[in-house]
Amino acid sequence: MKKIHNIALATLACIAISTSVSAQERPTSITIATEGAYPPWNYTKADGTLAGYEIELIDEICGRLKVECTVVAQDWNGIIPGLTAGKYDAIIASMGATDERREVVDFSDPYARAPNGFLVASDGPLANLPFSGQPFSLGGDSAELEVALAELSPLLQGKTLGVQGGSTAANFANEVLGDIVEIKEYGTVDQHNLDLTAGRIDLVVCNVTSLAAAAEDIGDQVTIAGPSFTGGVLGAGTTHVAIRKGEPALLEMMNEAIASIIADGTNSQLTTKWFGVDIGNPN
């Protein structure tokens, strides 16, 4: 019965894609920006082509919308300004929907969920941070969070933390840990991961799926340690398509495509393939 139910949901979602937005409003082509430097979500291969979970997600979205899509790589720090300037129509780049970003762009419904956490040297003093794997919400029980930070603070005091500049993780580092650690910002996650393995920084904070990919790529030198975080400056821990304001038809199309991909299980299959865990049903 469950399988039949999923097929019915997917069918309804596909019907909605073809009928809810009028033919006059439907674009025939869409340009989508991604970072191309955030594996396994999106990254650039040695031959210059883009790969990763979100690249396959884009293929699914564009196929179901029956539109021609061009995918371009854009440095993270300029990715929202490029959208508002009209360089492309949408962003699919593991972007969380924070209040600050909502003032500038519109966001689709979520397509994946993943919190932020810490990556540290396996043989270092932070490898056994308390609250391993325990989730904390910055917008939840403040007393519980304060207890955790009180225990973490002396262990992190004076350490150097690497983070990608302009990310929600950077907001978290500055607002929650800024009085505890020295923060060093990088252009890409690969850059702060390299400095971690070289011993130039003590830990990094990033989306846990990216940390897991880094740990697999780097090997036994690094490990994920301590708790994970969502909420507050990190947003809901979900990822969304960013759309330029004043584009309701495109936003509606994206929402309907995402609903279809989630309903028929395709998104669960994609996230399991790329992350080793199903994070493809974020609602």
Protein backbone atom coordinates (compact mmCIF):
# COMPACT_ATOMS: atom_id res chain seq x y z
CA MET A 1 0.00 0.00 0.00
CA LYS A 2 2.82 2.41 0.84
CA LYS A 3 4.38 1.99 -2.62
CA ILE A 4 1.05 2.70 -4.33
CA HIS A 5 0.55 5.76 -2.14
CA ASN A 6 3.98 7.15 -3.13
CA ILE A 7 3.25 6.63 -6.81
CA ALA A 8 -0.05 8.45 -6.42
CA LEU A 9 1.65 11.39 -4.71
CA ALA A 10 4.28 11.58 -7.42
CA THR A 11 1.63 11.47 -10.14
CA LEU A 12 -0.31 14.30 -8.52
CA ALA A 13 2.86 16.36 -8.18
CA CYS A 14 3.74 15.85 -11.86
CA ILE A 15 0.23 16.88 -12.90
CA ALA A 16 0.62 20.01 -10.81
CA ILE A 17 3.89 20.85 -12.58
CA SER A 18 2.22 20.75 -15.97
CA THR A 19 -0.95 22.64 -15.05
CA SER A 20 -0.52 25.09 -12.17
CA VAL A 21 1.76 27.53 -13.99
CA SER A 22 0.39 28.88 -17.24
CA ALA A 23 2.23 28.28 -20.50
CA GLN A 24 2.81 32.03 -20.86
CA GLU A 25 4.63 32.18 -17.52
CA ARG A 26 6.73 29.06 -17.98
CA PRO A 27 10.33 29.77 -18.99
CA THR A 28 11.75 27.55 -21.70
CA SER A 29 15.27 27.78 -20.28
CA ILE A 30 16.75 28.42 -16.84
CA THR A 31 20.30 29.23 -15.75
CA ILE A 32 21.16 27.81 -12.33
CA ALA A 33 24.23 28.73 -10.27
CA THR A 34 26.05 26.39 -7.92
CA GLU A 35 29.33 26.81 -6.07
CA GLY A 36 31.20 23.88 -7.58
CA ALA A 37 33.44 23.64 -4.50
CA TYR A 38 31.32 21.98 -1.80
CA PRO A 39 31.62 18.20 -2.14
CA PRO A 40 29.64 16.01 -2.15
CA TRP A 41 26.81 18.53 -2.64
CA ASN A 42 28.45 20.12 -5.68
CA TYR A 43 32.03 20.12 -6.91
CA THR A 44 34.21 20.54 -9.98
CA LYS A 45 35.95 17.47 -11.37
CA ALA A 46 39.47 17.49 -12.81
CA ASP A 47 38.07 17.82 -16.33
CA GLY A 48 36.17 20.98 -15.35
CA THR A 49 32.70 19.42 -15.29
CA LEU A 50 30.37 19.74 -12.33
CA ALA A 51 29.27 16.75 -10.25
CA GLY A 52 27.62 15.93 -6.95
CA TYR A 53 24.21 15.46 -5.37
CA GLU A 54 22.89 18.87 -6.39
CA ILE A 55 24.01 18.49 -9.99
CA GLU A 56 21.94 15.30 -10.25
CA LEU A 57 19.10 17.06 -8.41
CA ILE A 58 19.21 19.86 -11.00
CA ASP A 59 18.96 17.27 -13.78
CA GLU A 60 15.85 15.82 -12.12
CA ILE A 61 14.25 19.23 -11.58
CA CYS A 62 14.85 20.39 -15.14
CA GLY A 63 13.69 17.09 -16.62
CA ARG A 64 10.42 17.22 -14.72
CA LEU A 65 9.85 20.87 -15.57
CA LYS A 66 10.70 20.14 -19.22
CA VAL A 67 12.94 23.16 -19.47
CA GLU A 68 16.49 23.50 -20.78
CA CYS A 69 18.91 24.23 -17.93
CA THR A 70 22.40 25.69 -17.94
CA VAL A 71 24.45 25.21 -14.78
CA VAL A 72 27.23 27.68 -13.96
CA ALA A 73 29.78 27.74 -11.14
CA GLN A 74 29.96 30.88 -9.02
CA ASP A 75 32.20 31.68 -6.03
CA TRP A 76 30.20 31.51 -2.81
CA ASN A 77 30.79 35.10 -1.70
CA GLY A 78 29.28 36.45 -4.92
CA ILE A 79 26.53 33.91 -5.44
CA ILE A 80 23.55 35.91 -4.09
CA PRO A 81 24.71 39.23 -5.64
CA GLY A 82 24.99 37.40 -8.98
CA LEU A 83 21.38 36.23 -8.66
CA THR A 84 20.01 39.65 -7.78
CA ALA A 85 22.01 41.16 -10.65
CA GLY A 86 20.31 38.79 -13.11
CA LYS A 87 23.38 36.70 -14.03
CA TYR A 88 21.29 33.54 -13.47
CA ASP A 89 17.77 32.60 -12.45
CA ALA A 90 18.25 30.38 -9.40
CA ILE A 91 20.83 29.08 -6.94
CA ILE A 92 21.11 25.42 -5.94
CA ALA A 93 24.14 25.29 -3.66
CA SER A 94 23.35 23.81 -0.24
CA MET A 95 21.96 27.18 0.83
CA GLY A 96 20.09 27.60 4.09
CA ALA A 97 17.18 30.03 4.29
CA THR A 98 18.17 32.53 6.99
CA ASP A 99 16.18 35.65 7.90
CA GLU A 100 18.98 37.83 6.52
CA ARG A 101 18.95 36.07 3.16
CA ARG A 102 15.15 36.15 2.97
CA GLU A 103 15.35 39.94 2.89
CA VAL A 104 17.20 39.70 -0.44
CA VAL A 105 15.89 36.55 -2.19
CA ASP A 106 12.98 34.12 -2.05
CA PHE A 107 13.43 30.47 -1.13
CA SER A 108 11.77 27.29 -2.31
CA ASP A 109 10.48 24.60 -0.01
CA PRO A 110 13.38 22.57 1.47
CA TYR A 111 14.89 19.68 -0.45
CA ALA A 112 17.35 18.31 2.14
CA ARG A 113 18.18 18.57 5.83
CA ALA A 114 21.61 18.49 7.48
CA PRO A 115 22.96 20.22 10.60
CA ASN A 116 26.42 21.74 11.17
CA GLY A 117 29.17 20.15 13.24
CA PHE A 118 32.90 20.08 13.99
CA LEU A 119 35.78 18.37 12.19
CA VAL A 120 39.01 17.95 14.18
CA ALA A 121 42.34 16.14 14.04
CA SER A 122 41.90 12.51 15.11
CA ASP A 123 45.02 12.56 17.30
CA GLY A 124 44.37 15.99 18.80
CA PRO A 125 42.89 17.11 22.12
CA LEU A 126 39.47 17.85 20.57
CA ALA A 127 38.85 14.35 19.22
CA ASN A 128 36.83 13.44 22.31
CA LEU A 129 34.63 16.52 22.57
CA PRO A 130 31.52 15.89 24.69
CA PHE A 131 27.98 15.55 23.30
CA SER A 132 29.17 13.49 20.34
CA GLY A 133 26.38 13.31 17.74
CA GLN A 134 23.89 15.10 20.00
CA PRO A 135 21.80 17.74 18.16
CA PHE A 136 21.23 21.20 19.60
CA SER A 137 18.90 23.88 18.24
CA LEU A 138 20.03 27.49 18.56
CA GLY A 139 16.36 28.41 18.58
CA GLY A 140 15.31 25.71 21.02
CA ASP A 141 15.87 25.12 24.74
CA SER A 142 18.35 27.88 25.62
CA ALA A 143 19.11 26.36 29.04
CA GLU A 144 20.15 23.05 27.44
CA LEU A 145 22.30 24.89 24.88
CA GLU A 146 23.93 27.02 27.58
CA VAL A 147 24.86 23.92 29.56
CA ALA A 148 26.48 22.38 26.47
CA LEU A 149 28.38 25.57 25.59
CA ALA A 150 29.55 25.91 29.19
CA GLU A 151 31.12 22.45 28.97
CA LEU A 152 32.53 23.01 25.48
CA SER A 153 33.93 26.51 26.10
CA PRO A 154 37.01 25.63 28.19
CA LEU A 155 37.92 22.90 25.71
CA LEU A 156 37.65 25.27 22.72
CA GLN A 157 39.11 28.34 24.44
CA GLY A 158 41.91 29.89 22.38
CA LYS A 159 41.62 27.34 19.56
CA THR A 160 41.63 28.44 15.93
CA LEU A 161 38.45 27.52 14.03
CA GLY A 162 38.24 27.48 10.24
CA VAL A 163 35.03 28.31 8.41
CA GLN A 164 33.92 29.22 4.89
CA GLY A 165 33.35 32.96 4.68
CA GLY A 166 29.81 34.12 3.94
CA SER A 167 28.25 30.84 5.06
CA THR A 168 25.71 30.19 7.80
CA ALA A 169 28.50 28.29 9.55
CA ALA A 170 30.49 31.54 9.61
CA ASN A 171 27.51 33.30 11.18
CA PHE A 172 27.32 30.56 13.81
CA ALA A 173 31.05 30.76 14.53
CA ASN A 174 30.99 34.53 14.96
CA GLU A 175 27.79 34.81 16.98
CA VAL A 176 28.03 31.69 19.16
CA LEU A 177 31.76 30.95 19.40
CA GLY A 178 33.32 34.33 18.66
CA ASP A 179 34.29 34.98 22.29
CA ILE A 180 35.79 31.52 22.69
CA VAL A 181 37.82 30.74 19.55
CA GLU A 182 39.90 32.60 17.01
CA ILE A 183 38.01 32.46 13.70
CA LYS A 184 39.76 32.16 10.34
CA GLU A 185 37.63 32.47 7.21
CA TYR A 186 38.36 30.69 3.91
CA GLY A 187 37.06 30.91 0.38
CA THR A 188 36.17 27.21 0.16
CA VAL A 189 35.74 24.24 2.49
CA ASP A 190 38.67 22.47 0.80
CA GLN A 191 40.96 25.28 1.91
CA HIS A 192 40.05 25.04 5.58
CA ASN A 193 40.20 21.23 5.44
CA LEU A 194 43.77 21.46 4.10
CA ASP A 195 44.78 23.78 6.92
CA LEU A 196 43.22 21.42 9.45
CA THR A 197 45.23 18.45 8.20
CA ALA A 198 48.37 20.62 8.12
CA GLY A 199 47.86 21.59 11.76
CA ARG A 200 47.45 25.30 11.04
CA ILE A 201 43.98 25.34 12.63
CA ASP A 202 42.41 23.23 15.35
CA LEU A 203 38.91 22.55 14.02
CA VAL A 204 36.39 23.53 11.36
CA VAL A 205 32.63 23.95 11.46
CA CYS A 206 30.55 23.02 8.43
CA ASN A 207 27.56 21.02 7.24
CA VAL A 208 27.96 17.50 8.62
CA THR A 209 27.50 15.88 5.20
CA SER A 210 30.44 17.90 3.88
CA LEU A 211 32.43 16.94 6.97
CA ALA A 212 31.66 13.26 6.40
CA ALA A 213 32.86 13.54 2.80
CA ALA A 214 36.04 15.30 3.97
CA ALA A 215 36.68 12.61 6.58
CA GLU A 216 36.29 9.89 3.96
CA ASP A 217 38.55 11.73 1.51
CA ILE A 218 41.27 12.69 4.00
CA GLY A 219 41.19 9.45 5.99
CA ASP A 220 42.15 8.72 9.56
CA GLN A 221 43.78 12.12 10.10
CA VAL A 222 40.44 13.78 10.88
CA THR A 223 37.20 12.91 12.61
CA ILE A 224 33.80 14.46 13.31
CA ALA A 225 33.57 15.33 17.01
CA GLY A 226 31.14 16.89 19.46
CA PRO A 227 27.53 17.96 18.92
CA SER A 228 25.65 19.23 15.87
CA PHE A 229 23.70 22.47 15.57
CA THR A 230 20.68 23.85 13.69
CA GLY A 231 18.34 26.82 14.09
CA GLY A 232 18.99 30.48 14.81
CA VAL A 233 21.69 31.92 12.56
CA LEU A 234 22.05 28.49 10.93
CA GLY A 235 18.46 28.50 9.72
CA ALA A 236 16.41 25.33 10.03
CA GLY A 237 19.25 23.07 8.93
CA THR A 238 17.52 22.67 5.58
CA THR A 239 18.65 23.54 2.06
CA HIS A 240 16.58 25.47 -0.48
CA VAL A 241 16.59 26.82 -4.03
CA ALA A 242 17.13 30.59 -4.00
CA ILE A 243 15.08 32.61 -6.50
CA ARG A 244 15.24 36.31 -7.32
CA LYS A 245 12.38 38.24 -5.73
CA GLY A 246 9.48 38.97 -8.04
CA GLU A 247 9.60 35.59 -9.83
CA PRO A 248 6.52 33.79 -8.40
CA ALA A 249 6.04 31.49 -11.40
CA LEU A 250 9.59 30.14 -11.23
CA LEU A 251 9.33 29.74 -7.46
CA GLU A 252 6.09 27.77 -7.86
CA MET A 253 7.65 25.56 -10.51
CA MET A 254 10.62 24.79 -8.27
CA ASN A 255 8.35 23.91 -5.35
CA GLU A 256 6.29 21.55 -7.47
CA ALA A 257 9.36 19.84 -8.93
CA ILE A 258 10.85 19.40 -5.45
CA ALA A 259 7.57 17.96 -4.15
CA SER A 260 7.52 15.46 -7.01
CA ILE A 261 11.13 14.38 -6.48
CA ILE A 262 10.55 13.89 -2.75
CA ALA A 263 7.18 12.14 -3.16
CA ASP A 264 8.38 9.37 -5.48
CA GLY A 265 11.50 8.64 -3.43
CA THR A 266 14.00 9.94 -5.99
CA ASN A 267 15.46 12.47 -3.57
CA SER A 268 15.94 9.82 -0.88
CA GLN A 269 17.80 7.68 -3.42
CA LEU A 270 20.03 10.59 -4.46
CA THR A 271 20.92 11.63 -0.92
CA THR A 272 21.63 8.05 0.10
CA LYS A 273 23.88 7.67 -2.94
CA TRP A 274 25.89 10.82 -2.23
CA PHE A 275 25.85 11.02 1.58
CA GLY A 276 25.33 7.45 2.70
CA VAL A 277 22.21 8.53 4.59
CA ASP A 278 18.71 9.55 3.58
CA ILE A 279 18.32 13.31 4.20
CA GLY A 280 16.02 13.77 1.22
CA ASN A 281 12.67 14.12 3.04
CA PRO A 282 13.15 17.29 5.08
CA ASN A 283 9.51 18.10 5.85
